[in-house]
Protein backbone atom coordinates (compact mmCIF):
# COMPACT_ATOMS: atom_id res chain seq x y z
CA MET A 1 23.24 8.17 42.64
CA SER A 2 26.60 8.38 43.86
CA VAL A 3 27.15 11.05 46.17
CA LEU A 4 30.24 12.41 44.47
CA LEU A 5 28.35 12.55 41.45
CA LEU A 6 25.64 14.94 42.83
CA ASP A 7 23.21 16.35 40.38
CA ALA A 8 20.41 19.09 41.55
CA PHE A 9 18.51 18.98 38.28
CA ALA A 10 17.98 14.59 38.74
CA ILE A 11 17.20 15.24 42.25
CA THR A 12 14.61 18.00 41.40
CA ALA A 13 13.16 15.77 39.19
CA ALA A 14 13.17 12.62 41.58
CA GLN A 15 11.50 15.19 44.16
CA ASP A 16 8.76 16.01 41.46
CA LEU A 17 8.21 12.24 40.79
CA GLN A 18 7.99 11.39 44.80
CA THR A 19 5.74 14.39 45.10
CA LYS A 20 3.14 13.27 42.54
CA ASN A 21 3.33 9.97 43.95
CA TRP A 22 2.73 10.59 47.55
CA HIS A 23 -0.34 12.56 46.39
CA LEU A 24 -2.07 9.26 44.51
CA PRO A 25 -4.69 7.40 46.65
CA GLU A 26 -2.55 4.35 46.82
CA PRO A 27 1.10 5.82 46.27
CA SER A 28 3.69 2.92 45.61
CA ARG A 29 5.92 2.31 48.71
CA THR A 30 9.49 1.69 46.84
CA THR A 31 12.84 2.53 48.72
CA PRO A 32 15.55 3.74 47.06
CA ALA A 33 18.52 1.20 47.12
CA ASP A 34 21.16 3.83 47.37
CA PRO A 35 21.86 5.50 50.95
CA PHE A 36 22.31 8.38 49.70
CA ASP A 37 19.13 8.58 47.63
CA GLY A 38 17.50 7.20 50.92
CA LEU A 39 18.16 10.18 52.51
CA LEU A 40 17.22 12.28 50.00
CA SER A 41 13.78 10.50 50.04
CA GLN A 42 13.54 10.79 53.87
CA LEU A 43 14.04 14.47 53.49
CA HIS A 44 11.31 15.12 50.68
CA ARG A 45 9.12 12.97 52.75
CA ALA A 46 9.47 14.59 55.90
CA ASN A 47 9.20 18.20 54.36
CA PHE A 48 6.24 16.67 52.29
CA ASP A 49 4.39 15.45 56.22
CA LEU A 50 5.08 18.72 57.47
CA TRP A 51 3.94 20.84 54.32
CA HIS A 52 -0.15 19.05 55.26
CA GLU A 53 0.81 19.21 58.99
CA GLU A 54 0.87 22.78 58.17
CA ASP A 55 -2.32 22.82 56.50
CA ARG A 56 -3.95 21.25 59.07
CA ALA A 57 -2.60 23.99 61.69
CA ARG A 58 -4.47 26.49 60.10
CA ASP A 59 -7.86 25.09 59.92
CA PRO A 60 -10.25 27.61 61.36
CA ASN A 61 -12.79 24.69 62.56
CA ALA A 62 -10.10 22.44 63.98
CA SER A 63 -10.37 22.04 68.14
CA SER A 64 -7.79 23.05 70.49
CA ASP A 65 -6.90 19.30 70.85
CA GLN A 66 -6.68 18.71 67.08
CA ILE A 67 -4.54 21.79 66.73
CA ALA A 68 -2.05 20.67 69.45
CA ILE A 69 -1.73 17.26 68.05
CA THR A 70 -1.08 18.81 64.86
CA LYS A 71 1.77 21.19 66.56
CA ARG A 72 3.26 18.38 68.07
CA ALA A 73 3.34 16.47 64.65
CA ILE A 74 5.08 19.80 62.90
CA ASP A 75 7.66 19.71 65.94
CA ILE A 76 8.68 15.84 65.11
CA LEU A 77 8.59 16.59 61.49
CA ASN A 78 10.64 19.36 61.72
CA GLN A 79 13.23 17.75 64.05
CA ARG A 80 13.38 14.69 61.43
CA ARG A 81 14.14 17.32 58.64
CA ASN A 82 17.26 18.86 60.61
CA ASP A 83 18.46 15.68 61.07
CA VAL A 84 18.23 14.41 57.77
CA VAL A 85 19.49 17.57 56.06
CA GLU A 86 22.75 17.22 58.98
CA GLN A 87 22.89 13.41 57.52
CA LEU A 88 22.79 14.43 54.01
CA ASP A 89 26.24 16.72 54.77
CA ARG A 90 27.48 14.04 56.48
CA ALA A 91 26.94 11.51 53.79
CA LEU A 92 28.64 14.24 51.25
CA LEU A 93 31.60 14.73 54.13
CA ALA A 94 32.43 11.12 54.18
CA ALA A 95 32.78 10.70 50.44
CA LEU A 96 34.94 13.35 50.03
CA ALA A 97 37.33 12.35 53.02
CA PRO A 98 39.06 10.04 50.83
CA LEU A 99 39.63 12.25 48.35
CA SER A 100 41.35 14.72 51.11
CA LEU A 101 38.61 17.24 50.29
CA PRO A 102 36.98 19.73 51.38
CA ASN A 103 40.34 21.28 50.46
CA ALA A 104 41.12 22.88 54.27
CA ASP A 105 42.72 26.14 52.36
CA ALA A 106 39.47 26.68 50.18
CA ALA A 107 37.13 29.68 50.51
CA LEU A 108 34.21 28.39 53.17
CA HIS A 109 30.76 28.55 51.31
CA SER A 110 28.33 29.53 54.28
CA GLU A 111 25.37 27.46 53.55
CA THR A 112 25.79 23.75 53.23
CA PRO A 113 24.75 21.45 50.21
CA GLY A 114 22.30 19.75 52.58
CA LEU A 115 20.54 23.00 53.19
CA ILE A 116 20.36 23.76 49.74
CA LEU A 117 18.91 20.22 49.11
CA ASP A 118 16.15 20.93 51.81
CA ARG A 119 15.22 24.33 50.02
CA LEU A 120 14.77 22.41 46.75
CA SER A 121 12.82 19.69 48.47
CA ILE A 122 10.66 22.60 49.58
CA LEU A 123 10.34 24.30 46.24
CA ALA A 124 9.15 20.70 44.76
CA LEU A 125 6.05 20.86 46.92
CA LYS A 126 5.31 24.81 46.32
CA ILE A 127 5.87 23.93 42.21
CA PHE A 128 3.25 20.83 42.59
CA HIS A 129 0.51 22.42 44.98
CA THR A 130 0.83 25.81 42.73
CA GLN A 131 0.11 23.62 39.25
CA GLU A 132 -2.84 22.10 41.66
CA GLN A 133 -4.32 25.63 42.21
CA ILE A 134 -3.63 25.82 38.31
CA ASP A 135 -5.62 23.15 37.61
CA ARG A 136 -8.68 23.79 39.69
CA THR A 137 -11.99 24.04 37.84
CA ASP A 138 -13.63 26.16 40.61
CA ILE A 139 -11.78 29.32 40.25
CA THR A 140 -11.70 32.32 38.45
CA GLU A 141 -9.42 33.63 35.64
CA GLU A 142 -7.64 36.04 37.92
CA HIS A 143 -7.05 33.36 40.37
CA ARG A 144 -5.37 30.79 37.95
CA SER A 145 -3.46 33.81 36.26
CA ARG A 146 -1.98 34.67 39.79
CA ASN A 147 -0.76 31.01 40.62
CA GLN A 148 0.78 30.79 36.54
CA ALA A 149 2.89 33.93 37.49
CA ARG A 150 3.80 32.39 40.65
CA LEU A 151 4.62 29.03 39.05
CA ALA A 152 6.92 30.70 36.60
CA MET A 153 8.55 32.28 39.41
CA LEU A 154 8.88 29.24 41.32
CA THR A 155 10.54 27.22 38.26
CA GLU A 156 12.94 30.01 37.73
CA GLN A 157 13.74 30.14 41.56
CA ARG A 158 14.32 26.29 41.64
CA ASN A 159 16.23 26.17 38.09
CA ASP A 160 18.46 28.91 39.71
CA LEU A 161 19.19 27.22 42.75
CA ALA A 162 20.02 23.39 41.12
CA GLY A 163 22.51 25.27 39.23
CA CYS A 164 23.79 26.94 42.20
CA LEU A 165 23.96 23.68 43.89
CA ASP A 166 25.62 21.82 40.96
CA ALA A 167 28.15 24.66 40.30
CA LEU A 168 28.70 24.76 44.50
CA TRP A 169 29.41 20.98 44.18
CA SER A 170 31.42 21.15 41.66
CA ASP A 171 33.81 23.84 43.54
CA ILE A 172 34.44 21.31 46.19
CA THR A 173 35.04 18.65 44.52
CA THR A 174 38.13 20.66 42.71
CA GLY A 175 39.08 22.01 45.81
CA ARG A 176 38.27 25.57 45.34
CA ARG A 177 35.71 25.93 48.01
CA ARG A 178 34.76 24.11 51.06
CA PHE A 179 31.60 23.67 53.86
CA LYS A 180 31.71 22.58 57.30
CA LEU A 181 29.21 20.47 59.21
CA TYR A 182 26.78 22.78 60.90
CA ARG A 183 24.82 21.35 63.82
CA GLN A 184 20.87 22.83 64.20
CA LEU A 185 21.64 22.65 68.00
CA LYS A 186 17.87 22.69 68.85
CA MET A 187 17.06 23.62 71.94
CA TYR A 188 12.98 23.23 72.35
CA ASN A 189 13.04 19.43 71.98
CA ASP A 190 15.72 19.23 74.63
CA PRO A 191 14.06 18.81 78.69
CA THR A 192 17.49 20.47 80.13
CA LEU A 193 17.24 23.19 77.70
CA ASN A 194 14.07 24.11 77.41
CA PRO A 195 13.08 26.12 80.65
CA VAL A 196 9.16 25.35 80.25
CA LEU A 197 10.65 21.86 80.60
CA TYR A 198 13.26 21.85 82.81
CA ALA A 199 10.90 24.24 85.19
CA ARG A 200 7.70 21.65 85.23
CA ARG A 201 10.33 18.72 86.21
CA SER A 202 11.60 21.03 89.02
CA VAL A 203 8.29 21.38 90.37
CA SER A 204 6.99 17.73 90.10
């Protein structure tokens, strides 16, 4: 996908295909040729892996060691996810720069396209796993009905959000709105900023 031709509904369709593929016993291992599509895939994969690590973290039969390993994996995946969101926004800003965009005089949008793409990725996973619940054969009709209602809400939310992203991108590329790169500036992974880490280092 050309960066300047960002299409939210095409992205959600690709996320659905990737989600289905990655749940197969032997998923295909294709890498998108387009760098921006590659970043989109990396973001969705980080959320995909994060989703399943979060499931493992809630296993009541998991040992303390297993929970600790899972929590560290979640920490690494969250950092990767945040990094890729920033890379997506950087790629979009780089594509806009030759066109003298974003327009410095335009209204500032508080949420970046990268953050919206992250939300779309999570909604794709919620939709897949909700459908999975509906398709189960060991459930009550009440469980199925409740998840069908959830699926309808999630689908509506995703369609609304995709439409909002397309509208925002149209406004950005025509100079009516702008966005800025917002760094996450996470502190907990930095040994100079996390007091638990630097206090331990000073004691040793």
